[in-house]
N, C-alpha and C. Protein backbone atom coordinates (compact mmCIF):
# COMPACT_ATOMS: atom_id res chain seq x y z
N UNK A 1 83.76 97.76 108.15
CA UNK A 1 84.36 97.45 106.86
C UNK A 1 85.18 96.16 107.00
N UNK A 2 84.94 95.20 106.10
CA UNK A 2 85.69 93.94 106.16
C UNK A 2 87.03 94.08 105.42
N UNK A 3 87.86 93.06 105.51
CA UNK A 3 89.21 93.16 104.94
C UNK A 3 89.19 93.35 103.42
N UNK A 4 88.24 92.74 102.72
CA UNK A 4 88.16 92.91 101.26
C UNK A 4 87.80 94.34 100.90
N UNK A 5 86.85 94.93 101.67
CA UNK A 5 86.47 96.32 101.43
C UNK A 5 87.63 97.27 101.71
N UNK A 6 88.37 96.99 102.77
CA UNK A 6 89.55 97.80 103.08
C UNK A 6 90.58 97.66 101.96
N UNK A 7 90.80 96.42 101.51
CA UNK A 7 91.74 96.19 100.42
C UNK A 7 91.34 96.95 99.17
N UNK A 8 90.06 96.91 98.82
CA UNK A 8 89.57 97.64 97.64
C UNK A 8 89.78 99.14 97.79
N UNK A 9 89.53 99.66 99.00
CA UNK A 9 89.70 101.09 99.25
C UNK A 9 91.14 101.52 98.97
N UNK A 10 92.10 100.75 99.46
CA UNK A 10 93.51 101.13 99.28
C UNK A 10 94.02 100.81 97.88
N UNK A 11 93.45 99.82 97.23
CA UNK A 11 93.77 99.60 95.82
C UNK A 11 93.25 100.77 94.98
N UNK A 12 92.03 101.25 95.29
CA UNK A 12 91.49 102.42 94.59
C UNK A 12 92.38 103.64 94.79
N UNK A 13 92.83 103.86 96.04
CA UNK A 13 93.73 104.98 96.32
C UNK A 13 95.02 104.85 95.51
N UNK A 14 95.53 103.63 95.44
CA UNK A 14 96.77 103.39 94.69
C UNK A 14 96.58 103.68 93.21
N UNK A 15 95.45 103.25 92.66
CA UNK A 15 95.15 103.51 91.25
C UNK A 15 95.11 105.02 91.00
N UNK A 16 94.46 105.76 91.90
CA UNK A 16 94.39 107.23 91.76
C UNK A 16 95.79 107.84 91.74
N UNK A 17 96.64 107.38 92.63
CA UNK A 17 98.01 107.91 92.71
C UNK A 17 98.79 107.56 91.45
N UNK A 18 98.65 106.34 90.98
CA UNK A 18 99.34 105.93 89.76
C UNK A 18 98.90 106.80 88.58
N UNK A 19 97.60 106.99 88.44
CA UNK A 19 97.08 107.80 87.33
C UNK A 19 97.59 109.24 87.44
N UNK A 20 97.59 109.80 88.64
CA UNK A 20 98.10 111.16 88.84
C UNK A 20 99.58 111.26 88.48
N UNK A 21 100.29 110.13 88.54
CA UNK A 21 101.71 110.10 88.20
C UNK A 21 101.95 109.58 86.78
N UNK A 22 100.93 109.69 85.94
CA UNK A 22 101.01 109.38 84.50
C UNK A 22 101.15 107.89 84.17
N UNK A 23 100.68 107.04 85.03
CA UNK A 23 100.65 105.61 84.73
C UNK A 23 99.30 105.28 84.08
N UNK A 24 99.33 104.35 83.17
CA UNK A 24 98.11 103.82 82.56
C UNK A 24 97.81 102.50 83.26
N UNK A 25 96.59 102.33 83.75
CA UNK A 25 96.21 101.09 84.43
C UNK A 25 95.83 100.06 83.39
N UNK A 26 96.53 98.93 83.38
CA UNK A 26 96.26 97.86 82.43
C UNK A 26 95.33 96.80 83.01
N UNK A 27 95.52 96.48 84.28
CA UNK A 27 94.74 95.41 84.92
C UNK A 27 94.62 95.71 86.41
N UNK A 28 93.52 95.20 86.98
CA UNK A 28 93.35 95.18 88.44
C UNK A 28 92.98 93.76 88.83
N UNK A 29 93.57 93.29 89.91
CA UNK A 29 93.30 91.94 90.43
C UNK A 29 93.47 90.88 89.35
N UNK A 30 94.58 90.97 88.63
CA UNK A 30 94.90 90.00 87.58
C UNK A 30 95.30 88.67 88.21
N UNK A 31 94.72 87.57 87.70
CA UNK A 31 95.00 86.25 88.25
C UNK A 31 95.46 85.29 87.17
N UNK A 32 96.37 84.43 87.56
CA UNK A 32 96.71 83.25 86.76
C UNK A 32 97.09 82.14 87.74
N UNK A 33 97.65 81.06 87.24
CA UNK A 33 97.90 79.90 88.12
C UNK A 33 98.89 80.17 89.25
N UNK A 34 99.66 81.26 89.16
CA UNK A 34 100.62 81.57 90.22
C UNK A 34 100.04 82.46 91.31
N UNK A 35 98.86 83.03 91.06
CA UNK A 35 98.26 83.88 92.09
C UNK A 35 97.64 85.12 91.49
N UNK A 36 97.68 86.19 92.27
CA UNK A 36 97.04 87.44 91.88
C UNK A 36 97.97 88.60 92.11
N UNK A 37 97.91 89.57 91.22
CA UNK A 37 98.63 90.83 91.41
C UNK A 37 97.57 91.93 91.47
N UNK A 38 97.73 92.84 92.41
CA UNK A 38 96.71 93.85 92.65
C UNK A 38 96.53 94.80 91.47
N UNK A 39 97.63 95.35 90.98
CA UNK A 39 97.55 96.34 89.89
C UNK A 39 98.68 96.10 88.91
N UNK A 40 98.36 96.18 87.63
CA UNK A 40 99.38 96.18 86.59
C UNK A 40 99.22 97.50 85.84
N UNK A 41 100.29 98.25 85.77
CA UNK A 41 100.26 99.58 85.16
C UNK A 41 101.40 99.72 84.16
N UNK A 42 101.30 100.74 83.34
CA UNK A 42 102.34 101.01 82.35
C UNK A 42 102.71 102.48 82.38
N UNK A 43 104.00 102.73 82.29
CA UNK A 43 104.50 104.09 82.11
C UNK A 43 105.67 103.98 81.15
N UNK A 44 105.52 104.66 80.04
CA UNK A 44 106.51 104.62 78.97
C UNK A 44 106.72 103.17 78.52
N UNK A 45 107.96 102.68 78.56
CA UNK A 45 108.26 101.33 78.08
C UNK A 45 108.39 100.33 79.24
N UNK A 46 107.72 100.63 80.34
CA UNK A 46 107.84 99.79 81.53
C UNK A 46 106.46 99.32 82.01
N UNK A 47 106.35 98.03 82.25
CA UNK A 47 105.15 97.45 82.85
C UNK A 47 105.45 97.29 84.35
N UNK A 48 104.58 97.84 85.18
CA UNK A 48 104.81 97.85 86.62
C UNK A 48 103.75 96.99 87.31
N UNK A 49 104.23 96.02 88.07
CA UNK A 49 103.37 95.12 88.84
C UNK A 49 103.37 95.63 90.28
N UNK A 50 102.18 96.00 90.76
CA UNK A 50 102.07 96.67 92.06
C UNK A 50 101.30 95.80 93.05
N UNK A 51 101.94 95.54 94.16
CA UNK A 51 101.31 94.85 95.28
C UNK A 51 100.91 95.92 96.28
N UNK A 52 99.64 95.92 96.70
CA UNK A 52 99.13 96.91 97.65
C UNK A 52 98.95 96.23 99.00
N UNK A 53 99.52 96.83 100.03
CA UNK A 53 99.41 96.29 101.39
C UNK A 53 98.94 97.38 102.34
N UNK A 54 98.09 97.00 103.28
CA UNK A 54 97.56 97.94 104.26
C UNK A 54 97.73 97.38 105.67
N UNK A 55 98.11 98.25 106.58
CA UNK A 55 98.17 97.90 108.00
C UNK A 55 97.57 99.05 108.80
N UNK A 56 96.75 98.69 109.77
CA UNK A 56 96.18 99.71 110.66
C UNK A 56 97.24 100.21 111.63
N UNK A 57 98.08 99.28 112.10
CA UNK A 57 99.21 99.63 112.98
C UNK A 57 100.43 98.84 112.50
N UNK A 58 101.58 99.18 113.02
CA UNK A 58 102.78 98.41 112.68
C UNK A 58 103.13 97.40 113.78
N UNK A 59 102.16 97.08 114.61
CA UNK A 59 102.37 96.13 115.71
C UNK A 59 102.93 94.80 115.22
N UNK A 60 102.45 94.35 114.05
CA UNK A 60 102.93 93.09 113.49
C UNK A 60 103.78 93.32 112.24
N UNK A 61 104.34 94.52 112.12
CA UNK A 61 105.19 94.85 110.98
C UNK A 61 104.48 95.72 109.97
N UNK A 62 105.26 96.20 109.04
CA UNK A 62 104.74 97.05 107.98
C UNK A 62 104.23 96.17 106.84
N UNK A 63 103.31 96.72 106.05
CA UNK A 63 102.73 95.97 104.94
C UNK A 63 103.75 95.43 103.98
N UNK A 64 104.74 96.24 103.64
CA UNK A 64 105.75 95.80 102.67
C UNK A 64 106.57 94.61 103.17
N UNK A 65 106.60 94.42 104.48
CA UNK A 65 107.34 93.27 105.02
C UNK A 65 106.64 91.94 104.70
N UNK A 66 105.36 92.01 104.35
CA UNK A 66 104.62 90.80 103.97
C UNK A 66 104.98 90.35 102.55
N UNK A 67 105.65 91.21 101.82
CA UNK A 67 106.09 90.85 100.46
C UNK A 67 107.46 90.19 100.60
N UNK A 68 107.44 88.95 101.05
CA UNK A 68 108.66 88.20 101.31
C UNK A 68 109.15 87.47 100.06
N UNK A 69 110.21 86.71 100.22
CA UNK A 69 110.83 86.01 99.10
C UNK A 69 109.83 85.10 98.36
N UNK A 70 109.03 84.37 99.12
CA UNK A 70 108.04 83.45 98.54
C UNK A 70 107.01 84.23 97.72
N UNK A 71 106.51 85.34 98.27
CA UNK A 71 105.53 86.18 97.58
C UNK A 71 106.16 86.80 96.33
N UNK A 72 107.39 87.27 96.44
CA UNK A 72 108.08 87.87 95.29
C UNK A 72 108.26 86.86 94.17
N UNK A 73 108.60 85.64 94.52
CA UNK A 73 108.78 84.60 93.50
C UNK A 73 107.48 84.39 92.74
N UNK A 74 106.36 84.32 93.46
CA UNK A 74 105.05 84.14 92.82
C UNK A 74 104.72 85.33 91.91
N UNK A 75 104.99 86.53 92.38
CA UNK A 75 104.70 87.73 91.59
C UNK A 75 105.52 87.74 90.31
N UNK A 76 106.79 87.38 90.41
CA UNK A 76 107.65 87.37 89.23
C UNK A 76 107.16 86.32 88.22
N UNK A 77 106.82 85.13 88.69
CA UNK A 77 106.31 84.10 87.78
C UNK A 77 105.00 84.55 87.13
N UNK A 78 104.13 85.12 87.93
CA UNK A 78 102.87 85.65 87.41
C UNK A 78 103.14 86.72 86.34
N UNK A 79 104.07 87.60 86.63
CA UNK A 79 104.41 88.68 85.70
C UNK A 79 104.98 88.13 84.39
N UNK A 80 105.83 87.14 84.49
CA UNK A 80 106.40 86.55 83.27
C UNK A 80 105.32 85.97 82.38
N UNK A 81 104.36 85.26 82.97
CA UNK A 81 103.25 84.71 82.19
C UNK A 81 102.41 85.82 81.57
N UNK A 82 102.17 86.86 82.34
CA UNK A 82 101.39 88.00 81.84
C UNK A 82 102.09 88.64 80.64
N UNK A 83 103.38 88.88 80.78
CA UNK A 83 104.15 89.52 79.70
C UNK A 83 104.12 88.66 78.43
N UNK A 84 104.26 87.35 78.59
CA UNK A 84 104.22 86.45 77.43
C UNK A 84 102.83 86.46 76.78
N UNK A 85 101.79 86.41 77.60
CA UNK A 85 100.43 86.34 77.06
C UNK A 85 100.05 87.61 76.31
N UNK A 86 100.60 88.74 76.72
CA UNK A 86 100.28 90.03 76.07
C UNK A 86 101.30 90.40 74.99
N UNK A 87 102.31 89.55 74.83
CA UNK A 87 103.39 89.80 73.85
C UNK A 87 104.07 91.16 74.12
N UNK A 88 104.42 91.37 75.38
CA UNK A 88 105.07 92.61 75.83
C UNK A 88 106.58 92.44 75.97
N UNK A 89 107.18 91.62 75.11
CA UNK A 89 108.61 91.34 75.22
C UNK A 89 109.48 92.59 75.17
N UNK A 90 109.02 93.62 74.46
CA UNK A 90 109.83 94.83 74.30
C UNK A 90 109.80 95.74 75.53
N UNK A 91 108.93 95.44 76.48
CA UNK A 91 108.80 96.27 77.67
C UNK A 91 109.69 95.78 78.80
N UNK A 92 110.11 96.71 79.64
CA UNK A 92 110.82 96.36 80.88
C UNK A 92 109.77 96.02 81.93
N UNK A 93 110.18 95.29 82.95
CA UNK A 93 109.29 94.97 84.07
C UNK A 93 109.83 95.63 85.34
N UNK A 94 108.90 96.06 86.19
CA UNK A 94 109.28 96.59 87.50
C UNK A 94 108.25 96.10 88.51
N UNK A 95 108.70 95.90 89.72
CA UNK A 95 107.84 95.39 90.80
C UNK A 95 107.85 96.40 91.94
N UNK A 96 106.66 96.93 92.26
CA UNK A 96 106.53 97.93 93.31
C UNK A 96 105.61 97.42 94.41
N UNK A 97 105.73 98.04 95.57
CA UNK A 97 104.79 97.80 96.67
C UNK A 97 104.31 99.16 97.15
N UNK A 98 102.99 99.32 97.20
CA UNK A 98 102.39 100.52 97.78
C UNK A 98 101.84 100.08 99.13
N UNK A 99 102.57 100.44 100.18
CA UNK A 99 102.29 99.97 101.53
C UNK A 99 101.72 101.13 102.35
N UNK A 100 100.56 100.89 102.95
CA UNK A 100 99.89 101.92 103.75
C UNK A 100 99.93 101.55 105.22
N UNK A 101 100.30 102.53 106.04
CA UNK A 101 100.14 102.44 107.49
C UNK A 101 99.08 103.48 107.82
N UNK A 102 97.85 103.01 108.08
CA UNK A 102 96.67 103.88 108.10
C UNK A 102 96.61 104.57 106.74
N UNK A 103 96.70 105.90 106.68
CA UNK A 103 96.61 106.58 105.39
C UNK A 103 97.96 107.08 104.89
N UNK A 104 99.04 106.69 105.56
CA UNK A 104 100.38 107.10 105.13
C UNK A 104 100.94 106.08 104.15
N UNK A 105 101.31 106.57 102.97
CA UNK A 105 101.81 105.70 101.90
C UNK A 105 103.32 105.63 101.89
N UNK A 106 103.82 104.42 101.76
CA UNK A 106 105.24 104.18 101.50
C UNK A 106 105.29 103.42 100.17
N UNK A 107 105.65 104.12 99.10
CA UNK A 107 105.68 103.53 97.75
C UNK A 107 107.09 103.07 97.47
N UNK A 108 107.29 101.78 97.51
CA UNK A 108 108.61 101.21 97.27
C UNK A 108 108.69 100.75 95.83
N UNK A 109 109.52 101.43 95.06
CA UNK A 109 109.70 101.06 93.66
C UNK A 109 110.86 100.07 93.57
N UNK A 110 110.78 99.16 92.62
CA UNK A 110 111.83 98.14 92.45
C UNK A 110 112.03 97.33 93.72
N UNK A 111 110.94 96.79 94.25
CA UNK A 111 111.02 96.03 95.50
C UNK A 111 111.78 94.72 95.34
N UNK A 112 111.90 94.24 94.12
CA UNK A 112 112.57 92.96 93.90
C UNK A 112 113.67 93.10 92.86
N UNK A 113 114.75 92.41 93.14
CA UNK A 113 115.86 92.30 92.19
C UNK A 113 116.07 90.81 91.95
N UNK A 114 116.47 90.43 90.77
CA UNK A 114 116.61 89.03 90.41
C UNK A 114 117.43 88.20 91.37
N UNK A 115 118.52 88.75 91.87
CA UNK A 115 119.40 87.99 92.77
C UNK A 115 118.68 87.61 94.07
N UNK A 116 117.71 88.43 94.49
CA UNK A 116 117.03 88.19 95.76
C UNK A 116 116.16 86.94 95.75
N UNK A 117 115.70 86.55 94.56
CA UNK A 117 114.81 85.39 94.50
C UNK A 117 115.36 84.27 93.66
N UNK A 118 116.63 84.35 93.34
CA UNK A 118 117.28 83.22 92.69
C UNK A 118 117.28 83.22 91.18
N UNK A 119 117.07 84.37 90.55
CA UNK A 119 117.15 84.43 89.09
C UNK A 119 118.53 84.85 88.64
């Protein structure tokens, strides 16, 4: 299995978990000029931008550690454009990371706060 196939497998798992937790999936692999977000979901009045990361081992760190300040800044800019394009001004935004170490999930909700990336 190549890295794209592995990525798709864990994105699929994440979508299943989100749906089981009453999230509506709005987009998968959404792209704009700032990059790509793996999953965009909605629950109640909140739009959730989900970055999915997978690691076979933690030898080089956990998946969520790859969501650094630079990556967070891109995700936030991407999310702002998405919200404007869909006219979702009335919704709140949240940024999550679903990080897998083999098949063990660490779902970090609210991975980013404005102060962390200079907003």
